[in-house]
Every structure is written in C-alpha cells, then in structure tokens.
C-alpha cells in the first residue's frame, strides 16, 4: 500500500488508504452478523421461552387479527426510515467534531443499491471518528435490544437486533482501524467503503 506524507499543525502524518469493494464488504460483514445473532438471540430465548411456544404464537395471531397482514409493510417503512436515521446519527455525531459543523457532512443515496449514505469531508481524530461510526449501532441497535431483552418486548428487541445487524458494515470499517492510535487522524473515503488513515509520525 502506497502512502503519502501530510503536514498539519506542525505534525507529520503518513497517509494511507483503508478501503474495500462493496462485494468484499458484504462478505466480510457476515463475520460480524453471526456473533450478533448468537449474542442477542440466545439470551432472549432463554429469558422469554414462553413467547416462542406454539400457543403463544397462535394467541398473538388471533389477538392481532388482520393487523398481522399489515405488519410486513410497517416493518418495511420502519426499515427505510431507520436507514435514514442511521446515517443522520453518523453525520450529527461527526459534525460535533468538525470545524465547519454540519457543513462538512454530505448525505446522499446510492441509487444502484437504494441505500442512503453519510460522508464526513473533514479529517477527524480517531476517537471522534469511532464515536460517529458506532453511534447508530449503539442508539438504534444495542440499547433497544437490551431494553427489549430486559422487558420481554419482542418487537423492541427485534428492532434492536435488526439495526445491530445493519451496523455490521460500520463495525467492519472500525475493525480496519483496530491498529490505529489515538494520535492518528481519519477521513471518510468519498467513494469507496473505508477511509483514509493519517498515521502520526514520531519526531526523530
């Protein structure tokens, strides 16, 4: 991997690119999905076994009646709106650390994949970039899933589970940064999946 030298505020950084294709990202993100499913589903099923009995499922369907037919469309709406909120959480969190605030955040849609995206145009300290990267998975995934697990609210749990899985791509990018140091800088790649990493060089 080729690297370039970059200067900022009197410090020297070696710039490198950490990216992958969409196809590679989809395959590698599966590595995060399986542990998420196990870590979420196993405790929930053990805590609330009665919800998965045939009688409980039958009673639920009878109680909801024709509303059950509407649920798939409601789920689709939640997922679409959730995808938008997911990207907003990335952007709003990163904007807090940007010199130009929300002006440095770009939103759009990859029309071929029909998915929204968020791009931060400024370089950020590693911790700020990581915080923005994990925020959707935390707010929309982990916290609702835990709340659903504690209360036995299956819909809330499934909401959290789905958006935790949806954050697998974010976890993949953060995993690519696992060897970076707190003194390094990170910038979103404007086109590819991944980022530019600016490794701070120690003075000799």
N, C-alpha and C. Protein backbone atom coordinates (compact mmCIF):
# COMPACT_ATOMS: atom_id res chain seq x y z
N UNK A 1 0.84 -1.19 0.00
CA UNK A 1 0.00 0.00 0.00
C UNK A 1 0.88 1.25 0.00
N UNK A 2 0.68 2.15 -0.96
CA UNK A 2 1.46 3.37 -1.03
C UNK A 2 0.96 4.37 0.00
N UNK A 3 1.88 5.19 0.52
CA UNK A 3 1.49 6.19 1.49
C UNK A 3 2.08 7.53 1.10
N UNK A 4 1.41 8.61 1.50
CA UNK A 4 1.86 9.96 1.23
C UNK A 4 2.14 10.66 2.55
N UNK A 5 2.98 11.69 2.47
CA UNK A 5 3.29 12.47 3.66
C UNK A 5 2.38 13.68 3.70
N UNK A 6 1.82 13.96 4.89
CA UNK A 6 0.88 15.06 5.05
C UNK A 6 1.25 15.83 6.30
N UNK A 7 1.22 17.15 6.22
CA UNK A 7 1.56 18.01 7.36
C UNK A 7 0.33 18.74 7.87
N UNK A 8 0.15 18.76 9.19
CA UNK A 8 -0.94 19.53 9.78
C UNK A 8 -0.53 19.98 11.18
N UNK A 9 -0.69 21.29 11.41
CA UNK A 9 -0.36 21.88 12.71
C UNK A 9 1.04 21.51 13.20
N UNK A 10 1.97 21.48 12.25
CA UNK A 10 3.35 21.20 12.60
C UNK A 10 3.67 19.73 12.78
N UNK A 11 2.67 18.86 12.69
CA UNK A 11 2.89 17.42 12.84
C UNK A 11 2.90 16.75 11.47
N UNK A 12 3.65 15.69 11.36
CA UNK A 12 3.75 14.97 10.09
C UNK A 12 2.98 13.66 10.16
N UNK A 13 2.21 13.39 9.11
CA UNK A 13 1.39 12.19 9.05
C UNK A 13 1.68 11.43 7.76
N UNK A 14 1.61 10.12 7.85
CA UNK A 14 1.72 9.27 6.67
C UNK A 14 0.31 8.84 6.28
N UNK A 15 -0.11 9.24 5.11
CA UNK A 15 -1.47 8.96 4.65
C UNK A 15 -1.53 7.62 3.93
N UNK A 16 -2.48 6.78 4.33
CA UNK A 16 -2.71 5.51 3.66
C UNK A 16 -4.20 5.29 3.46
N UNK A 17 -4.53 4.39 2.59
CA UNK A 17 -5.94 4.14 2.25
C UNK A 17 -6.36 2.77 2.77
N UNK A 18 -7.46 2.75 3.52
CA UNK A 18 -8.03 1.50 4.02
C UNK A 18 -9.43 1.36 3.42
N UNK A 19 -9.52 0.66 2.31
CA UNK A 19 -10.81 0.55 1.63
C UNK A 19 -11.01 -0.87 1.08
N UNK A 20 -12.23 -1.13 0.67
CA UNK A 20 -12.56 -2.38 0.00
C UNK A 20 -13.76 -2.17 -0.90
N UNK A 21 -13.99 -3.11 -1.78
CA UNK A 21 -15.14 -3.01 -2.67
C UNK A 21 -16.42 -3.36 -1.91
N UNK A 22 -17.56 -3.00 -2.51
CA UNK A 22 -18.85 -3.31 -1.88
C UNK A 22 -19.04 -4.81 -1.73
N UNK A 23 -18.58 -5.56 -2.75
CA UNK A 23 -18.72 -7.02 -2.69
C UNK A 23 -17.90 -7.60 -1.55
N UNK A 24 -16.67 -7.11 -1.38
CA UNK A 24 -15.83 -7.57 -0.28
C UNK A 24 -16.44 -7.21 1.06
N UNK A 25 -16.97 -6.00 1.16
CA UNK A 25 -17.57 -5.54 2.41
C UNK A 25 -18.77 -6.40 2.79
N UNK A 26 -19.60 -6.75 1.81
CA UNK A 26 -20.79 -7.57 2.11
C UNK A 26 -20.41 -8.93 2.66
N UNK A 27 -19.35 -9.51 2.09
CA UNK A 27 -18.90 -10.84 2.55
C UNK A 27 -18.28 -10.75 3.94
N UNK A 28 -17.40 -9.76 4.14
CA UNK A 28 -16.70 -9.65 5.42
C UNK A 28 -17.63 -9.20 6.56
N UNK A 29 -18.69 -8.47 6.21
CA UNK A 29 -19.63 -8.04 7.24
C UNK A 29 -20.37 -9.22 7.85
N UNK A 30 -20.44 -10.33 7.11
CA UNK A 30 -21.09 -11.54 7.63
C UNK A 30 -20.38 -12.06 8.88
N UNK A 31 -19.08 -11.76 8.98
CA UNK A 31 -18.30 -12.21 10.13
C UNK A 31 -18.84 -11.58 11.42
N UNK A 32 -19.40 -10.37 11.31
CA UNK A 32 -19.95 -9.69 12.48
C UNK A 32 -21.41 -10.07 12.73
N UNK A 33 -22.11 -10.47 11.68
CA UNK A 33 -23.54 -10.76 11.82
C UNK A 33 -23.81 -11.99 12.68
N UNK A 34 -23.04 -13.06 12.47
CA UNK A 34 -23.28 -14.30 13.22
C UNK A 34 -23.09 -14.12 14.72
N UNK A 35 -21.99 -13.50 15.18
CA UNK A 35 -21.86 -13.28 16.63
C UNK A 35 -22.98 -12.41 17.20
N UNK A 36 -23.44 -11.40 16.43
CA UNK A 36 -24.53 -10.54 16.89
C UNK A 36 -25.79 -11.37 17.10
N UNK A 37 -26.11 -12.24 16.13
CA UNK A 37 -27.30 -13.07 16.24
C UNK A 37 -27.23 -13.98 17.46
N UNK A 38 -26.07 -14.59 17.68
CA UNK A 38 -25.91 -15.50 18.82
C UNK A 38 -25.99 -14.75 20.14
N UNK A 39 -25.26 -13.63 20.24
CA UNK A 39 -25.21 -12.88 21.49
C UNK A 39 -26.55 -12.25 21.86
N UNK A 40 -27.38 -11.97 20.86
CA UNK A 40 -28.68 -11.37 21.11
C UNK A 40 -29.77 -12.42 21.32
N UNK A 41 -29.84 -13.38 20.37
CA UNK A 41 -30.97 -14.31 20.38
C UNK A 41 -30.92 -15.32 21.52
N UNK A 42 -29.74 -15.85 21.80
CA UNK A 42 -29.64 -16.87 22.84
C UNK A 42 -30.13 -16.37 24.20
N UNK A 43 -29.67 -15.22 24.69
CA UNK A 43 -30.18 -14.74 25.99
C UNK A 43 -31.67 -14.45 25.96
N UNK A 44 -32.15 -13.86 24.84
CA UNK A 44 -33.58 -13.52 24.79
C UNK A 44 -34.44 -14.78 24.85
N UNK A 45 -34.08 -15.78 24.07
CA UNK A 45 -34.87 -17.01 24.04
C UNK A 45 -34.83 -17.70 25.40
N UNK A 46 -33.69 -17.68 26.06
CA UNK A 46 -33.57 -18.30 27.38
C UNK A 46 -34.41 -17.56 28.42
N UNK A 47 -34.45 -16.23 28.30
CA UNK A 47 -35.20 -15.43 29.27
C UNK A 47 -36.71 -15.49 29.05
N UNK A 48 -37.11 -15.57 27.78
CA UNK A 48 -38.54 -15.47 27.45
C UNK A 48 -38.98 -16.65 26.58
N UNK A 49 -38.71 -17.86 27.04
CA UNK A 49 -39.04 -19.07 26.28
C UNK A 49 -40.52 -19.17 25.97
N UNK A 50 -41.35 -18.68 26.89
CA UNK A 50 -42.80 -18.83 26.71
C UNK A 50 -43.32 -18.08 25.49
N UNK A 51 -42.59 -17.07 25.03
CA UNK A 51 -43.04 -16.30 23.87
C UNK A 51 -42.93 -17.09 22.57
N UNK A 52 -42.17 -18.19 22.59
CA UNK A 52 -41.92 -18.93 21.36
C UNK A 52 -42.66 -20.26 21.31
N UNK A 53 -43.58 -20.46 22.24
CA UNK A 53 -44.40 -21.66 22.21
C UNK A 53 -45.46 -21.52 21.12
N UNK A 54 -45.94 -22.64 20.64
CA UNK A 54 -46.96 -22.62 19.59
C UNK A 54 -48.21 -21.89 20.06
N UNK A 55 -48.57 -22.09 21.30
CA UNK A 55 -49.77 -21.46 21.84
C UNK A 55 -49.62 -19.93 21.90
N UNK A 56 -48.43 -19.48 22.29
CA UNK A 56 -48.19 -18.03 22.38
C UNK A 56 -48.26 -17.39 20.99
N UNK A 57 -47.71 -18.07 20.00
CA UNK A 57 -47.75 -17.54 18.63
C UNK A 57 -49.17 -17.53 18.11
N UNK A 58 -49.92 -18.61 18.39
CA UNK A 58 -51.32 -18.69 17.95
C UNK A 58 -52.16 -17.59 18.60
N UNK A 59 -51.97 -17.37 19.89
CA UNK A 59 -52.72 -16.33 20.60
C UNK A 59 -52.39 -14.94 20.05
N UNK A 60 -51.13 -14.73 19.71
CA UNK A 60 -50.73 -13.43 19.16
C UNK A 60 -51.43 -13.17 17.83
N UNK A 61 -51.43 -14.18 16.95
CA UNK A 61 -52.07 -14.03 15.63
C UNK A 61 -53.56 -13.79 15.78
N UNK A 62 -54.22 -14.53 16.67
CA UNK A 62 -55.65 -14.36 16.87
C UNK A 62 -55.98 -12.99 17.46
N UNK A 63 -55.11 -12.53 18.36
CA UNK A 63 -55.34 -11.24 19.01
C UNK A 63 -55.17 -10.08 18.03
N UNK A 64 -54.17 -10.19 17.17
CA UNK A 64 -53.90 -9.10 16.22
C UNK A 64 -54.84 -9.12 15.03
N UNK A 65 -55.35 -10.29 14.70
CA UNK A 65 -56.30 -10.40 13.59
C UNK A 65 -55.69 -9.98 12.26
N UNK A 66 -56.43 -9.17 11.51
CA UNK A 66 -55.98 -8.76 10.18
C UNK A 66 -54.79 -7.80 10.23
N UNK A 67 -54.50 -7.25 11.41
CA UNK A 67 -53.34 -6.36 11.53
C UNK A 67 -52.03 -7.08 11.20
N UNK A 68 -52.03 -8.41 11.38
CA UNK A 68 -50.84 -9.19 11.07
C UNK A 68 -50.45 -9.01 9.60
N UNK A 69 -51.44 -8.83 8.74
CA UNK A 69 -51.17 -8.67 7.31
C UNK A 69 -50.50 -7.33 7.01
N UNK A 70 -50.68 -6.37 7.90
CA UNK A 70 -50.12 -5.02 7.68
C UNK A 70 -48.69 -4.94 8.20
N UNK A 71 -48.33 -5.83 9.11
CA UNK A 71 -47.02 -5.76 9.76
C UNK A 71 -45.84 -5.74 8.78
N UNK A 72 -45.85 -6.57 7.71
CA UNK A 72 -44.71 -6.53 6.78
C UNK A 72 -44.50 -5.14 6.17
N UNK A 73 -45.60 -4.44 5.86
CA UNK A 73 -45.48 -3.10 5.28
C UNK A 73 -44.99 -2.09 6.32
N UNK A 74 -45.45 -2.26 7.56
CA UNK A 74 -44.98 -1.38 8.64
C UNK A 74 -43.49 -1.60 8.90
N UNK A 75 -43.07 -2.86 8.84
CA UNK A 75 -41.66 -3.18 9.03
C UNK A 75 -40.81 -2.57 7.93
N UNK A 76 -41.29 -2.62 6.71
CA UNK A 76 -40.57 -2.03 5.59
C UNK A 76 -40.42 -0.53 5.78
N UNK A 77 -41.49 0.13 6.23
CA UNK A 77 -41.45 1.57 6.47
C UNK A 77 -40.46 1.90 7.58
N UNK A 78 -40.48 1.11 8.66
CA UNK A 78 -39.54 1.32 9.76
C UNK A 78 -38.11 1.15 9.30
N UNK A 79 -37.86 0.15 8.46
CA UNK A 79 -36.51 -0.11 7.99
C UNK A 79 -36.00 1.02 7.09
N UNK A 80 -36.89 1.54 6.23
CA UNK A 80 -36.50 2.64 5.34
C UNK A 80 -36.20 3.91 6.13
N UNK A 81 -37.12 4.26 7.03
CA UNK A 81 -36.90 5.44 7.88
C UNK A 81 -35.70 5.23 8.80
N UNK A 82 -35.54 4.00 9.27
CA UNK A 82 -34.41 3.69 10.14
C UNK A 82 -33.08 3.86 9.44
N UNK A 83 -33.04 3.51 8.15
CA UNK A 83 -31.80 3.67 7.38
C UNK A 83 -31.42 5.15 7.28
N UNK A 84 -32.43 6.00 7.15
CA UNK A 84 -32.17 7.44 7.08
C UNK A 84 -31.66 7.95 8.42
N UNK A 85 -32.32 7.54 9.50
CA UNK A 85 -31.90 7.95 10.85
C UNK A 85 -30.49 7.44 11.15
N UNK A 86 -30.20 6.24 10.68
CA UNK A 86 -28.86 5.64 10.86
C UNK A 86 -27.79 6.59 10.33
N UNK A 87 -27.99 7.08 9.11
CA UNK A 87 -27.00 7.97 8.50
C UNK A 87 -26.98 9.33 9.20
N UNK A 88 -28.13 9.81 9.64
CA UNK A 88 -28.18 11.08 10.35
C UNK A 88 -27.38 11.02 11.65
N UNK A 89 -27.45 9.89 12.32
CA UNK A 89 -26.70 9.72 13.57
C UNK A 89 -25.20 9.76 13.31
N UNK A 90 -24.77 9.13 12.21
CA UNK A 90 -23.36 9.24 11.82
C UNK A 90 -22.98 10.71 11.66
N UNK A 91 -23.75 11.39 10.81
CA UNK A 91 -23.42 12.77 10.45
C UNK A 91 -23.47 13.75 11.60
N UNK A 92 -24.52 13.68 12.40
CA UNK A 92 -24.67 14.62 13.51
C UNK A 92 -23.57 14.43 14.56
N UNK A 93 -23.19 13.18 14.77
CA UNK A 93 -22.11 12.91 15.73
C UNK A 93 -20.78 13.45 15.21
N UNK A 94 -20.47 13.16 13.95
CA UNK A 94 -19.21 13.66 13.38
C UNK A 94 -19.19 15.18 13.31
N UNK A 95 -20.36 15.77 13.03
CA UNK A 95 -20.43 17.23 12.89
C UNK A 95 -20.01 17.95 14.16
N UNK A 96 -20.24 17.33 15.31
CA UNK A 96 -19.84 17.93 16.59
C UNK A 96 -18.33 18.18 16.63
N UNK A 97 -17.56 17.34 15.95
CA UNK A 97 -16.11 17.43 15.99
C UNK A 97 -15.52 18.12 14.77
N UNK A 98 -16.37 18.52 13.82
CA UNK A 98 -15.89 19.17 12.59
C UNK A 98 -15.75 20.68 12.80
N UNK A 99 -14.74 21.26 12.22
CA UNK A 99 -14.55 22.71 12.30
C UNK A 99 -15.71 23.45 11.65
N UNK A 100 -16.25 22.90 10.58
CA UNK A 100 -17.36 23.54 9.87
C UNK A 100 -18.71 22.90 10.20
N UNK A 101 -18.75 22.11 11.25
CA UNK A 101 -20.02 21.53 11.69
C UNK A 101 -20.72 20.72 10.62
N UNK A 102 -22.02 20.90 10.54
CA UNK A 102 -22.82 20.11 9.59
C UNK A 102 -22.50 20.43 8.14
N UNK A 103 -21.81 21.54 7.89
CA UNK A 103 -21.43 21.88 6.52
C UNK A 103 -20.42 20.88 5.96
N UNK A 104 -19.73 20.19 6.84
CA UNK A 104 -18.74 19.20 6.40
C UNK A 104 -19.34 17.81 6.20
N UNK A 105 -20.63 17.69 6.46
CA UNK A 105 -21.30 16.39 6.32
C UNK A 105 -22.12 16.37 5.04
N UNK A 106 -21.91 15.33 4.26
CA UNK A 106 -22.63 15.19 2.99
C UNK A 106 -23.51 13.94 3.04
N UNK A 107 -24.77 14.11 2.69
CA UNK A 107 -25.71 12.99 2.64
C UNK A 107 -26.11 12.73 1.19
N UNK A 108 -26.45 11.50 0.92
CA UNK A 108 -26.90 11.16 -0.42
C UNK A 108 -27.48 9.76 -0.46
N UNK A 109 -27.73 9.28 -1.67
CA UNK A 109 -28.29 7.94 -1.85
C UNK A 109 -27.51 7.23 -2.95
N UNK A 110 -27.08 6.01 -2.66
CA UNK A 110 -26.51 5.14 -3.71
C UNK A 110 -27.70 4.49 -4.40
N UNK A 111 -28.06 5.05 -5.55
CA UNK A 111 -29.30 4.62 -6.19
C UNK A 111 -29.26 3.19 -6.69
N UNK A 112 -28.07 2.71 -7.06
CA UNK A 112 -27.98 1.32 -7.54
C UNK A 112 -28.32 0.34 -6.43
N UNK A 113 -27.92 0.68 -5.21
CA UNK A 113 -28.20 -0.19 -4.06
C UNK A 113 -29.40 0.29 -3.27
N UNK A 114 -29.95 1.45 -3.65
CA UNK A 114 -31.09 2.04 -2.95
C UNK A 114 -30.82 2.21 -1.45
N UNK A 115 -29.63 2.69 -1.14
CA UNK A 115 -29.26 2.90 0.26
C UNK A 115 -28.72 4.31 0.46
N UNK A 116 -29.12 4.97 1.55
CA UNK A 116 -28.58 6.30 1.85
C UNK A 116 -27.16 6.17 2.39
N UNK A 117 -26.42 7.28 2.32
CA UNK A 117 -25.07 7.27 2.87
C UNK A 117 -24.76 8.60 3.52
N UNK A 118 -23.74 8.61 4.35
CA UNK A 118 -23.26 9.81 5.01
C UNK A 118 -21.75 9.88 4.83
N UNK A 119 -21.25 11.04 4.46
CA UNK A 119 -19.81 11.20 4.24
C UNK A 119 -19.31 12.44 4.98
N UNK A 120 -18.30 12.24 5.82
CA UNK A 120 -17.67 13.36 6.53
C UNK A 120 -16.46 13.81 5.72
N UNK A 121 -16.43 15.07 5.34
CA UNK A 121 -15.38 15.57 4.45
C UNK A 121 -14.14 16.04 5.19
N UNK A 122 -14.21 16.14 6.52
CA UNK A 122 -13.05 16.60 7.29
C UNK A 122 -12.29 15.42 7.90
N UNK A 123 -11.02 15.65 8.18
CA UNK A 123 -10.26 14.68 8.96
C UNK A 123 -10.66 14.81 10.42
N UNK A 124 -10.79 13.69 11.10
CA UNK A 124 -11.19 13.69 12.50
C UNK A 124 -10.19 12.89 13.33
N UNK A 125 -10.06 13.23 14.61
CA UNK A 125 -9.27 12.38 15.50
C UNK A 125 -9.89 10.98 15.52
N UNK A 126 -9.08 9.99 15.77
CA UNK A 126 -9.54 8.60 15.73
C UNK A 126 -10.76 8.38 16.62
N UNK A 127 -10.71 8.87 17.86
CA UNK A 127 -11.81 8.62 18.79
C UNK A 127 -13.11 9.25 18.32
N UNK A 128 -13.03 10.44 17.74
CA UNK A 128 -14.24 11.10 17.23
C UNK A 128 -14.82 10.32 16.05
N UNK A 129 -13.95 9.83 15.19
CA UNK A 129 -14.43 9.05 14.04
C UNK A 129 -15.09 7.75 14.50
N UNK A 130 -14.46 7.09 15.47
CA UNK A 130 -15.01 5.84 16.00
C UNK A 130 -16.36 6.09 16.67
N UNK A 131 -16.46 7.18 17.43
CA UNK A 131 -17.72 7.50 18.09
C UNK A 131 -18.84 7.69 17.08
N UNK A 132 -18.57 8.42 16.01
CA UNK A 132 -19.57 8.60 14.96
C UNK A 132 -19.89 7.30 14.25
N UNK A 133 -18.89 6.43 14.16
CA UNK A 133 -19.09 5.16 13.49
C UNK A 133 -19.98 4.20 14.26
N UNK A 134 -19.86 4.21 15.59
CA UNK A 134 -20.63 3.26 16.39
C UNK A 134 -21.98 3.81 16.84
N UNK A 135 -22.21 5.11 16.69
CA UNK A 135 -23.41 5.73 17.24
C UNK A 135 -24.72 5.09 16.75
N UNK A 136 -24.91 4.86 15.44
CA UNK A 136 -26.18 4.23 15.02
C UNK A 136 -26.37 2.84 15.60
N UNK A 137 -25.30 2.04 15.61
CA UNK A 137 -25.41 0.70 16.17
C UNK A 137 -25.71 0.71 17.65
N UNK A 138 -25.24 1.74 18.34
CA UNK A 138 -25.48 1.85 19.77
C UNK A 138 -26.90 2.33 20.06
N UNK A 139 -27.29 3.44 19.42
CA UNK A 139 -28.59 4.06 19.70
C UNK A 139 -29.76 3.25 19.14
N UNK A 140 -29.60 2.74 17.91
CA UNK A 140 -30.70 2.04 17.26
C UNK A 140 -30.61 0.53 17.40
N UNK A 141 -29.44 0.03 17.78
CA UNK A 141 -29.24 -1.40 17.86
C UNK A 141 -29.13 -1.94 19.27
N UNK A 142 -27.98 -1.73 19.88
CA UNK A 142 -27.69 -2.33 21.17
C UNK A 142 -28.66 -1.91 22.27
N UNK A 143 -28.90 -0.61 22.41
CA UNK A 143 -29.76 -0.13 23.50
C UNK A 143 -31.21 -0.62 23.39
N UNK A 144 -31.85 -0.52 22.22
CA UNK A 144 -33.21 -1.07 22.11
C UNK A 144 -33.25 -2.58 22.33
N UNK A 145 -32.23 -3.29 21.84
CA UNK A 145 -32.19 -4.74 22.02
C UNK A 145 -32.10 -5.10 23.50
N UNK A 146 -31.25 -4.40 24.23
CA UNK A 146 -31.12 -4.66 25.66
C UNK A 146 -32.41 -4.33 26.40
N UNK A 147 -33.05 -3.21 26.01
CA UNK A 147 -34.31 -2.83 26.64
C UNK A 147 -35.38 -3.89 26.36
N UNK A 148 -35.42 -4.37 25.13
CA UNK A 148 -36.39 -5.41 24.79
C UNK A 148 -36.10 -6.71 25.51
N UNK A 149 -34.81 -7.00 25.70
CA UNK A 149 -34.43 -8.22 26.39
C UNK A 149 -34.83 -8.18 27.87
N UNK A 150 -34.66 -7.02 28.49
CA UNK A 150 -34.97 -6.88 29.91
C UNK A 150 -36.48 -6.90 30.15
N UNK A 151 -37.24 -6.25 29.26
CA UNK A 151 -38.68 -6.12 29.45
C UNK A 151 -39.49 -7.24 28.79
N UNK A 152 -38.85 -8.01 27.92
CA UNK A 152 -39.58 -9.04 27.21
C UNK A 152 -40.41 -8.49 26.05
N UNK A 153 -40.08 -7.28 25.61
CA UNK A 153 -40.79 -6.67 24.48
C UNK A 153 -40.15 -7.17 23.19
N UNK A 154 -40.80 -8.12 22.54
CA UNK A 154 -40.22 -8.78 21.37
C UNK A 154 -40.01 -7.82 20.21
N UNK A 155 -40.99 -6.93 19.96
CA UNK A 155 -40.86 -6.01 18.83
C UNK A 155 -39.68 -5.05 19.03
N UNK A 156 -39.52 -4.57 20.25
CA UNK A 156 -38.40 -3.69 20.55
C UNK A 156 -37.08 -4.43 20.40
N UNK A 157 -37.07 -5.68 20.86
CA UNK A 157 -35.87 -6.49 20.74
C UNK A 157 -35.51 -6.72 19.27
N UNK A 158 -36.50 -7.07 18.45
CA UNK A 158 -36.26 -7.33 17.03
C UNK A 158 -35.80 -6.07 16.31
N UNK A 159 -36.34 -4.92 16.72
CA UNK A 159 -35.90 -3.64 16.16
C UNK A 159 -34.40 -3.45 16.43
N UNK A 160 -34.01 -3.67 17.69
CA UNK A 160 -32.61 -3.52 18.05
C UNK A 160 -31.72 -4.55 17.37
N UNK A 161 -32.21 -5.77 17.24
CA UNK A 161 -31.44 -6.81 16.57
C UNK A 161 -31.20 -6.46 15.10
N UNK A 162 -32.25 -6.01 14.42
CA UNK A 162 -32.12 -5.68 13.00
C UNK A 162 -31.11 -4.55 12.79
N UNK A 163 -31.21 -3.50 13.61
CA UNK A 163 -30.33 -2.36 13.38
C UNK A 163 -28.93 -2.59 13.93
N UNK A 164 -28.77 -3.60 14.76
CA UNK A 164 -27.42 -4.02 15.14
C UNK A 164 -26.76 -4.73 13.96
N UNK A 165 -27.54 -5.57 13.29
CA UNK A 165 -27.04 -6.26 12.11
C UNK A 165 -26.75 -5.24 11.00
N UNK A 166 -27.63 -4.23 10.90
CA UNK A 166 -27.43 -3.19 9.88
C UNK A 166 -26.15 -2.41 10.11
N UNK A 167 -25.65 -2.42 11.34
CA UNK A 167 -24.42 -1.71 11.66
C UNK A 167 -23.17 -2.56 11.43
N UNK A 168 -23.33 -3.75 10.86
CA UNK A 168 -22.19 -4.63 10.62
C UNK A 168 -21.15 -3.99 9.72
N UNK A 169 -21.62 -3.24 8.72
CA UNK A 169 -20.70 -2.56 7.82
C UNK A 169 -19.87 -1.52 8.56
N UNK A 170 -20.51 -0.82 9.51
CA UNK A 170 -19.78 0.16 10.32
C UNK A 170 -18.72 -0.52 11.18
N UNK A 171 -19.10 -1.65 11.76
CA UNK A 171 -18.15 -2.40 12.59
C UNK A 171 -16.96 -2.88 11.76
N UNK A 172 -17.23 -3.22 10.51
CA UNK A 172 -16.15 -3.67 9.63
C UNK A 172 -15.13 -2.56 9.40
N UNK A 173 -15.63 -1.35 9.13
CA UNK A 173 -14.72 -0.21 8.92
C UNK A 173 -13.92 0.08 10.18
N UNK A 174 -14.57 0.03 11.33
CA UNK A 174 -13.88 0.28 12.59
C UNK A 174 -12.86 -0.82 12.88
N UNK A 175 -13.16 -2.04 12.49
CA UNK A 175 -12.21 -3.14 12.64
C UNK A 175 -10.95 -2.89 11.82
N UNK A 176 -11.13 -2.28 10.65
CA UNK A 176 -9.98 -1.95 9.80
C UNK A 176 -9.06 -0.93 10.48
N UNK A 177 -9.59 -0.21 11.45
CA UNK A 177 -8.82 0.81 12.16
C UNK A 177 -8.28 0.31 13.50
N UNK A 178 -8.35 -1.00 13.72
CA UNK A 178 -8.01 -1.54 15.05
C UNK A 178 -6.55 -1.28 15.45
N UNK A 179 -5.67 -1.09 14.47
CA UNK A 179 -4.26 -0.86 14.80
C UNK A 179 -3.90 0.63 14.84
N UNK A 180 -4.88 1.49 14.58
CA UNK A 180 -4.63 2.94 14.62
C UNK A 180 -4.46 3.40 16.06
N UNK A 181 -3.77 4.52 16.23
CA UNK A 181 -3.52 5.08 17.56
C UNK A 181 -4.37 6.33 17.77
N UNK A 182 -4.52 6.71 19.02
CA UNK A 182 -5.35 7.87 19.37
C UNK A 182 -4.83 9.15 18.74
N UNK A 183 -3.55 9.20 18.41
CA UNK A 183 -2.96 10.40 17.82
C UNK A 183 -3.15 10.47 16.30
N UNK A 184 -3.70 9.43 15.72
CA UNK A 184 -3.90 9.39 14.27
C UNK A 184 -5.18 10.12 13.88
N UNK A 185 -5.27 10.46 12.61
CA UNK A 185 -6.46 11.13 12.06
C UNK A 185 -7.12 10.21 11.03
N UNK A 186 -8.42 10.37 10.88
CA UNK A 186 -9.18 9.53 9.95
C UNK A 186 -10.10 10.40 9.11
N UNK A 187 -10.23 10.05 7.84
CA UNK A 187 -11.14 10.76 6.95
C UNK A 187 -11.91 9.75 6.11
N UNK A 188 -13.20 9.92 6.04
CA UNK A 188 -14.03 9.07 5.18
C UNK A 188 -13.52 9.08 3.76
N UNK A 189 -13.57 7.93 3.11
CA UNK A 189 -13.28 7.91 1.68
C UNK A 189 -14.54 8.38 0.95
N UNK A 190 -14.41 9.32 0.01
CA UNK A 190 -15.61 9.89 -0.63
C UNK A 190 -16.35 8.94 -1.55
N UNK A 191 -15.70 7.87 -2.01
CA UNK A 191 -16.34 6.99 -2.99
C UNK A 191 -16.35 5.52 -2.57
N UNK A 192 -15.27 5.07 -1.95
CA UNK A 192 -15.16 3.65 -1.60
C UNK A 192 -15.63 3.40 -0.18
N UNK A 193 -15.77 2.13 0.17
CA UNK A 193 -16.11 1.74 1.53
C UNK A 193 -14.82 1.68 2.33
N UNK A 194 -14.71 2.56 3.30
CA UNK A 194 -13.48 2.64 4.09
C UNK A 194 -13.09 4.08 4.36
N UNK A 195 -11.81 4.30 4.54
CA UNK A 195 -11.36 5.63 4.92
C UNK A 195 -9.88 5.83 4.59
N UNK A 196 -9.44 7.06 4.77
CA UNK A 196 -8.02 7.39 4.72
C UNK A 196 -7.53 7.46 6.16
N UNK A 197 -6.40 6.86 6.43
CA UNK A 197 -5.82 6.90 7.76
C UNK A 197 -4.53 7.71 7.71
N UNK A 198 -4.43 8.68 8.60
CA UNK A 198 -3.24 9.53 8.70
C UNK A 198 -2.49 9.14 9.96
N UNK A 199 -1.42 8.40 9.78
CA UNK A 199 -0.61 7.92 10.91
C UNK A 199 0.40 9.00 11.33
N UNK A 200 0.28 9.44 12.57
CA UNK A 200 1.19 10.46 13.05
C UNK A 200 2.59 9.89 13.19
N UNK A 201 3.57 10.62 12.63
CA UNK A 201 4.95 10.18 12.66
C UNK A 201 5.67 10.78 13.87
N UNK A 202 6.40 9.91 14.56
CA UNK A 202 7.15 10.36 15.71
C UNK A 202 8.38 11.14 15.27
N UNK A 203 8.69 12.22 15.98
CA UNK A 203 9.88 13.01 15.66
C UNK A 203 11.13 12.24 16.04
N UNK A 204 12.12 12.28 15.15
CA UNK A 204 13.37 11.59 15.40
C UNK A 204 14.31 12.51 16.16
